[in-house]
C-alpha atoms as a PDB file:
ATOM      1  CA  MET A   1      -0.177   0.119  -0.263  1.00  0.00           C
ATOM      2  CA  SER A   2       1.082   3.310  -0.795  1.00  0.00           C
ATOM      3  CA  ALA A   3      -0.406   6.871  -0.037  1.00  0.00           C
ATOM      4  CA  GLN A   4       0.274   9.840  -0.879  1.00  0.00           C
ATOM      5  CA  ALA A   5       0.261  13.005   1.604  1.00  0.00           C
ATOM      6  CA  PRO A   6      -1.863  16.583   0.780  1.00  0.00           C
ATOM      7  CA  SER A   7       0.325  19.082  -0.702  1.00  0.00           C
ATOM      8  CA  LEU A   8       1.617  21.252   2.029  1.00  0.00           C
ATOM      9  CA  ARG A   9       0.580  24.708   2.725  1.00  0.00           C
ATOM     10  CA  GLY A  10       3.361  26.471   4.140  1.00  0.00           C
ATOM     11  CA  PRO A  11       7.412  26.058   3.953  1.00  0.00           C
ATOM     12  CA  ARG A  12       8.892  23.245   4.288  1.00  0.00           C
ATOM     13  CA  PHE A  13      11.715  22.409   7.192  1.00  0.00           C
ATOM     14  CA  LEU A  14      12.138  18.986   6.152  1.00  0.00           C
ATOM     15  CA  ARG A  15      11.437  16.074   3.363  1.00  0.00           C
ATOM     16  CA  GLN A  16      13.211  12.997   4.381  1.00  0.00           C
ATOM     17  CA  ARG A  17      11.846   9.013   2.414  1.00  0.00           C
ATOM     18  CA  TRP A  18      11.095   6.288   4.683  1.00  0.00           C
ATOM     19  CA  SER A  19      11.736   2.309   3.447  1.00  0.00           C
ATOM     20  CA  ASP A  20      11.166  -1.275   5.233  1.00  0.00           C
ATOM     21  CA  LEU A  21       8.219   0.176   7.339  1.00  0.00           C
ATOM     22  CA  THR A  22       6.096  -1.766   9.011  1.00  0.00           C
ATOM     23  CA  PHE A  23       3.175  -1.393  11.192  1.00  0.00           C
ATOM     24  CA  LEU A  24       2.215  -3.152  14.181  1.00  0.00           C
ATOM     25  CA  HIS A  25      -1.263  -2.374  16.052  1.00  0.00           C
ATOM     26  CA  TRP A  26      -3.045  -2.899  18.712  1.00  0.00           C
ATOM     27  CA  ARG A  27      -6.604  -1.717  20.433  1.00  0.00           C
ATOM     28  CA  VAL A  28      -7.053  -0.225  22.853  1.00  0.00           C
ATOM     29  CA  ASP A  29      -9.214   1.298  25.957  1.00  0.00           C
ATOM     30  CA  PRO A  30      -9.411   5.213  24.572  1.00  0.00           C
ATOM     31  CA  ALA A  31     -10.059   5.924  28.756  1.00  0.00           C
ATOM     32  CA  LEU A  32      -6.866   4.538  29.076  1.00  0.00           C
ATOM     33  CA  VAL A  33      -4.908   6.939  26.556  1.00  0.00           C
ATOM     34  CA  ALA A  34      -5.842  10.198  27.311  1.00  0.00           C
ATOM     35  CA  PRO A  35      -4.163  11.306  30.013  1.00  0.00           C
ATOM     36  CA  LEU A  36      -0.695  10.881  28.225  1.00  0.00           C
ATOM     37  CA  LEU A  37      -1.916  13.396  25.466  1.00  0.00           C
ATOM     38  CA  PRO A  38      -1.590  16.156  25.120  1.00  0.00           C
ATOM     39  CA  ALA A  39      -3.526  19.161  26.258  1.00  0.00           C
ATOM     40  CA  GLY A  40      -6.718  19.956  23.537  1.00  0.00           C
ATOM     41  CA  THR A  41      -6.313  16.332  21.930  1.00  0.00           C
ATOM     42  CA  ALA A  42      -8.089  13.465  22.861  1.00  0.00           C
ATOM     43  CA  PRO A  43      -8.142  10.330  21.210  1.00  0.00           C
ATOM     44  CA  ASP A  44      -8.822   9.453  18.130  1.00  0.00           C
ATOM     45  CA  VAL A  45     -11.688   6.359  17.600  1.00  0.00           C
ATOM     46  CA  HIS A  46     -12.511   4.027  15.137  1.00  0.00           C
ATOM     47  CA  ASP A  47     -14.679   1.049  15.295  1.00  0.00           C
ATOM     48  CA  GLY A  48     -14.663   1.531  19.156  1.00  0.00           C
ATOM     49  CA  SER A  49     -11.670   1.552  20.290  1.00  0.00           C
ATOM     50  CA  THR A  50      -8.220   3.582  19.798  1.00  0.00           C
ATOM     51  CA  TRP A  51      -4.464   2.339  18.804  1.00  0.00           C
ATOM     52  CA  VAL A  52      -0.868   2.359  19.688  1.00  0.00           C
ATOM     53  CA  GLY A  53       1.532   0.610  17.231  1.00  0.00           C
ATOM     54  CA  LEU A  54       4.781   0.436  17.198  1.00  0.00           C
ATOM     55  CA  ILE A  55       6.279   1.428  13.804  1.00  0.00           C
ATOM     56  CA  PRO A  56       9.525   0.068  12.853  1.00  0.00           C
ATOM     57  CA  PHE A  57      11.645   1.664   9.436  1.00  0.00           C
ATOM     58  CA  VAL A  58      14.326   3.475   7.693  1.00  0.00           C
ATOM     59  CA  THR A  59      14.572   7.013   7.685  1.00  0.00           C
ATOM     60  CA  ALA A  60      16.008   7.294   3.906  1.00  0.00           C
ATOM     61  CA  ALA A  61      17.196  10.710   1.576  1.00  0.00           C
ATOM     62  CA  SER A  62      16.439  13.541   4.716  1.00  0.00           C
ATOM     63  CA  ALA A  63      16.767  16.894   3.675  1.00  0.00           C
ATOM     64  CA  LEU A  64      16.548  20.518   5.415  1.00  0.00           C
ATOM     65  CA  GLY A  65      14.058  22.584   3.404  1.00  0.00           C
ATOM     66  CA  ARG A  66      14.500  22.138  -0.229  1.00  0.00           C
ATOM     67  CA  GLY A  67      18.275  21.574   0.282  1.00  0.00           C
ATOM     68  CA  PRO A  68      20.433  18.830  -1.202  1.00  0.00           C
ATOM     69  CA  VAL A  69      19.624  15.679   0.963  1.00  0.00           C
ATOM     70  CA  VAL A  70      22.236  15.656   3.831  1.00  0.00           C
ATOM     71  CA  PRO A  71      24.978  12.396   3.969  1.00  0.00           C
ATOM     72  CA  TRP A  72      25.144  10.013   6.645  1.00  0.00           C
ATOM     73  CA  LEU A  73      22.836  11.934   8.601  1.00  0.00           C
ATOM     74  CA  GLY A  74      20.204  11.938   6.965  1.00  0.00           C
ATOM     75  CA  SER A  75      19.739   8.269   6.318  1.00  0.00           C
ATOM     76  CA  PHE A  76      19.057   5.621   9.592  1.00  0.00           C
ATOM     77  CA  ALA A  77      16.704   3.206  11.503  1.00  0.00           C
ATOM     78  CA  GLU A  78      14.236   4.094  13.445  1.00  0.00           C
ATOM     79  CA  THR A  79      11.402   2.925  15.971  1.00  0.00           C
ATOM     80  CA  ASN A  80       8.198   4.671  17.098  1.00  0.00           C
ATOM     81  CA  VAL A  81       5.447   4.363  19.660  1.00  0.00           C
ATOM     82  CA  ARG A  82       2.534   5.989  19.059  1.00  0.00           C
ATOM     83  CA  PHE A  83      -1.164   7.306  19.406  1.00  0.00           C
ATOM     84  CA  TYR A  84      -3.309   8.495  17.394  1.00  0.00           C
ATOM     85  CA  SER A  85      -5.028  11.613  19.178  1.00  0.00           C
ATOM     86  CA  VAL A  86      -7.791  14.318  17.094  1.00  0.00           C
ATOM     87  CA  ASP A  87      -7.926  17.913  18.743  1.00  0.00           C
ATOM     88  CA  SER A  88     -11.303  20.448  19.066  1.00  0.00           C
ATOM     89  CA  ALA A  89     -10.911  21.130  15.234  1.00  0.00           C
ATOM     90  CA  GLY A  90     -11.586  17.940  14.398  1.00  0.00           C
ATOM     91  CA  ARG A  91      -7.434  17.575  12.999  1.00  0.00           C
ATOM     92  CA  ARG A  92      -6.503  13.993  12.676  1.00  0.00           C
ATOM     93  CA  GLY A  93      -3.000  13.155  14.421  1.00  0.00           C
ATOM     94  CA  ILE A  94       0.050  11.444  16.177  1.00  0.00           C
ATOM     95  CA  VAL A  95       1.321  11.711  19.511  1.00  0.00           C
ATOM     96  CA  PHE A  96       4.384   9.942  19.501  1.00  0.00           C
ATOM     97  CA  ARG A  97       5.061   8.646  23.137  1.00  0.00           C
ATOM     98  CA  SER A  98       8.587   7.501  22.135  1.00  0.00           C
ATOM     99  CA  MET A  99      10.905   7.385  19.616  1.00  0.00           C
ATOM    100  CA  GLU A 100      14.374   6.217  18.633  1.00  0.00           C
ATOM    101  CA  ALA A 101      16.900   6.854  16.379  1.00  0.00           C
ATOM    102  CA  GLU A 102      20.344   5.711  15.476  1.00  0.00           C
ATOM    103  CA  ARG A 103      21.429   9.146  14.412  1.00  0.00           C
ATOM    104  CA  LEU A 104      22.133  11.381  17.837  1.00  0.00           C
ATOM    105  CA  PRO A 105      22.438  14.691  16.113  1.00  0.00           C
ATOM    106  CA  THR A 106      18.667  14.064  15.477  1.00  0.00           C
ATOM    107  CA  VAL A 107      17.464  13.051  18.048  1.00  0.00           C
ATOM    108  CA  ILE A 108      18.435  15.915  20.263  1.00  0.00           C
ATOM    109  CA  GLY A 109      17.590  18.221  17.581  1.00  0.00           C
ATOM    110  CA  ALA A 110      14.058  17.159  17.872  1.00  0.00           C
ATOM    111  CA  ARG A 111      14.274  17.304  21.544  1.00  0.00           C
ATOM    112  CA  ALA A 112      15.027  20.457  21.590  1.00  0.00           C
ATOM    113  CA  VAL A 113      13.135  21.986  18.753  1.00  0.00           C
ATOM    114  CA  PHE A 114       9.464  19.733  18.386  1.00  0.00           C
ATOM    115  CA  ASN A 115       9.598  18.207  22.525  1.00  0.00           C
ATOM    116  CA  LEU A 116       9.656  15.398  20.784  1.00  0.00           C
ATOM    117  CA  PRO A 117      10.515  11.930  22.798  1.00  0.00           C
ATOM    118  CA  TYR A 118      13.845  10.636  20.812  1.00  0.00           C
ATOM    119  CA  THR A 119      15.853   8.761  22.325  1.00  0.00           C
ATOM    120  CA  TRP A 120      19.065   7.301  20.886  1.00  0.00           C
ATOM    121  CA  ALA A 121      19.690   3.603  19.968  1.00  0.00           C
ATOM    122  CA  GLN A 122      21.901   1.089  18.577  1.00  0.00           C
ATOM    123  CA  MET A 123      19.797  -0.120  15.194  1.00  0.00           C
ATOM    124  CA  ARG A 124      19.653  -1.814  12.832  1.00  0.00           C
ATOM    125  CA  VAL A 125      17.541  -3.028   9.776  1.00  0.00           C
ATOM    126  CA  HIS A 126      18.441  -5.667   8.458  1.00  0.00           C
ATOM    127  CA  ARG A 127      16.192  -7.160   4.649  1.00  0.00           C
ATOM    128  CA  SER A 128      17.039 -10.314   3.209  1.00  0.00           C
ATOM    129  CA  ALA A 129      14.820 -12.209   0.133  1.00  0.00           C
ATOM    130  CA  ASP A 130      11.835 -12.877   2.517  1.00  0.00           C
ATOM    131  CA  VAL A 131      12.373 -11.223   6.020  1.00  0.00           C
ATOM    132  CA  ILE A 132      12.901  -7.832   7.892  1.00  0.00           C
ATOM    133  CA  GLU A 133      14.106  -7.619  11.098  1.00  0.00           C
ATOM    134  CA  TYR A 134      15.233  -4.628  13.778  1.00  0.00           C
ATOM    135  CA  GLN A 135      16.421  -4.886  16.665  1.00  0.00           C
ATOM    136  CA  SER A 136      17.459  -1.906  18.430  1.00  0.00           C
ATOM    137  CA  ALA A 137      19.017  -0.953  21.992  1.00  0.00           C
ATOM    138  CA  ARG A 138      18.621   2.731  23.923  1.00  0.00           C
ATOM    139  CA  ARG A 139      21.543   4.154  24.289  1.00  0.00           C
ATOM    140  CA  TRP A 140      20.421   7.435  26.362  1.00  0.00           C
ATOM    141  CA  PRO A 141      18.104   8.754  27.422  1.00  0.00           C
ATOM    142  CA  ALA A 142      18.271   5.856  30.257  1.00  0.00           C
ATOM    143  CA  PRO A 143      17.160   2.998  30.257  1.00  0.00           C
ATOM    144  CA  HIS A 144      20.520   2.153  28.577  1.00  0.00           C
ATOM    145  CA  GLY A 145      19.875  -0.658  26.609  1.00  0.00           C
ATOM    146  CA  ALA A 146      15.648  -1.472  26.821  1.00  0.00           C
ATOM    147  CA  GLY A 147      15.097  -2.220  23.189  1.00  0.00           C
ATOM    148  CA  GLY A 148      14.060  -5.013  20.991  1.00  0.00           C
ATOM    149  CA  ARG A 149      13.769  -7.350  18.217  1.00  0.00           C
ATOM    150  CA  ILE A 150      11.159  -7.574  14.949  1.00  0.00           C
ATOM    151  CA  VAL A 151      10.956  -9.494  12.252  1.00  0.00           C
ATOM    152  CA  VAL A 152       8.127 -10.063  10.375  1.00  0.00           C
ATOM    153  CA  ARG A 153       7.717 -11.671   6.574  1.00  0.00           C
ATOM    154  CA  PRO A 154       5.729  -9.027   4.107  1.00  0.00           C
ATOM    155  CA  GLY A 155       3.338 -10.724   2.558  1.00  0.00           C
ATOM    156  CA  ALA A 156       1.750  -8.954  -0.959  1.00  0.00           C
ATOM    157  CA  ARG A 157       1.835  -5.527  -0.954  1.00  0.00           C
ATOM    158  CA  LEU A 158      -1.637  -4.512  -0.353  1.00  0.00           C
ATOM    159  CA  GLU A 159      -3.717  -2.476  -2.972  1.00  0.00           C
ATOM    160  CA  VAL A 160      -7.208  -2.225  -1.215  1.00  0.00           C
ATOM    161  CA  HIS A 161      -7.549   0.407   0.945  1.00  0.00           C
ATOM    162  CA  ASP A 162     -10.317   0.168   3.847  1.00  0.00           C
ATOM    163  CA  PRO A 163     -11.227   2.369   6.554  1.00  0.00           C
ATOM    164  CA  GLU A 164      -8.900   0.542   9.673  1.00  0.00           C
ATOM    165  CA  MET A 165      -6.433   0.853   7.205  1.00  0.00           C
ATOM    166  CA  ASP A 166      -6.209   4.414   6.270  1.00  0.00           C
ATOM    167  CA  PHE A 167      -7.073   5.031  10.061  1.00  0.00           C
ATOM    168  CA  LEU A 168      -4.356   3.843  11.292  1.00  0.00           C
ATOM    169  CA  THR A 169      -1.847   4.685   8.469  1.00  0.00           C
ATOM    170  CA  ALA A 170      -2.442   7.689   6.115  1.00  0.00           C
ATOM    171  CA  ARG A 171      -1.021  10.574   8.911  1.00  0.00           C
ATOM    172  CA  TRP A 172       0.087  13.417   7.850  1.00  0.00           C
ATOM    173  CA  GLY A 173       0.347  16.009  11.421  1.00  0.00           C
ATOM    174  CA  LEU A 174       1.330  15.778  14.988  1.00  0.00           C
ATOM    175  CA  HIS A 175      -0.326  16.978  17.887  1.00  0.00           C
ATOM    176  CA  THR A 176       2.796  17.651  20.263  1.00  0.00           C
ATOM    177  CA  THR A 177       3.544  20.721  23.443  1.00  0.00           C
ATOM    178  CA  VAL A 178       5.923  23.571  22.673  1.00  0.00           C
ATOM    179  CA  LEU A 179       6.681  25.747  26.408  1.00  0.00           C
ATOM    180  CA  GLY A 180       3.503  24.039  27.558  1.00  0.00           C
ATOM    181  CA  ARG A 181       1.346  25.124  23.927  1.00  0.00           C
ATOM    182  CA  THR A 182      -0.215  21.924  22.539  1.00  0.00           C
ATOM    183  CA  ILE A 183       0.755  22.601  18.618  1.00  0.00           C
END
């Protein structure tokens, strides 16, 4: 399955491509997630549940604005744990609970500028003919060594769109708190 993000209205400050993307999801009671979301947002609900996602992938070809791809720094493994949110204006987004990344400058920048819960981790993605294996072990901040291993055997490409799949994968914004304000 491939979804196209809508065109941006404002200036572009970052661009990147994702590959070897895996979506793992679990249904969760919205009441359990609500206290973990930024002020002014609520759990987004589909079919009576909200969801938590565990999403490992490779970020590639990252660049600032319309500039060139940043060598080495622009390609790395990443894994995030996310919730699905909606604000009072009905804008759907993602709330990141944890984001592990292989590149320390990316972690420091995203934490400082956007208050995103990035952690620096030793990560590896290995792809063979029919299996993708993701490994992660946290370096900073604690708990040092926390992480895990995910092994998936991708099936056939999904061409059918259904409401649940779109709800979980076609998200183009995030909700976070910066300087005490939800954005």
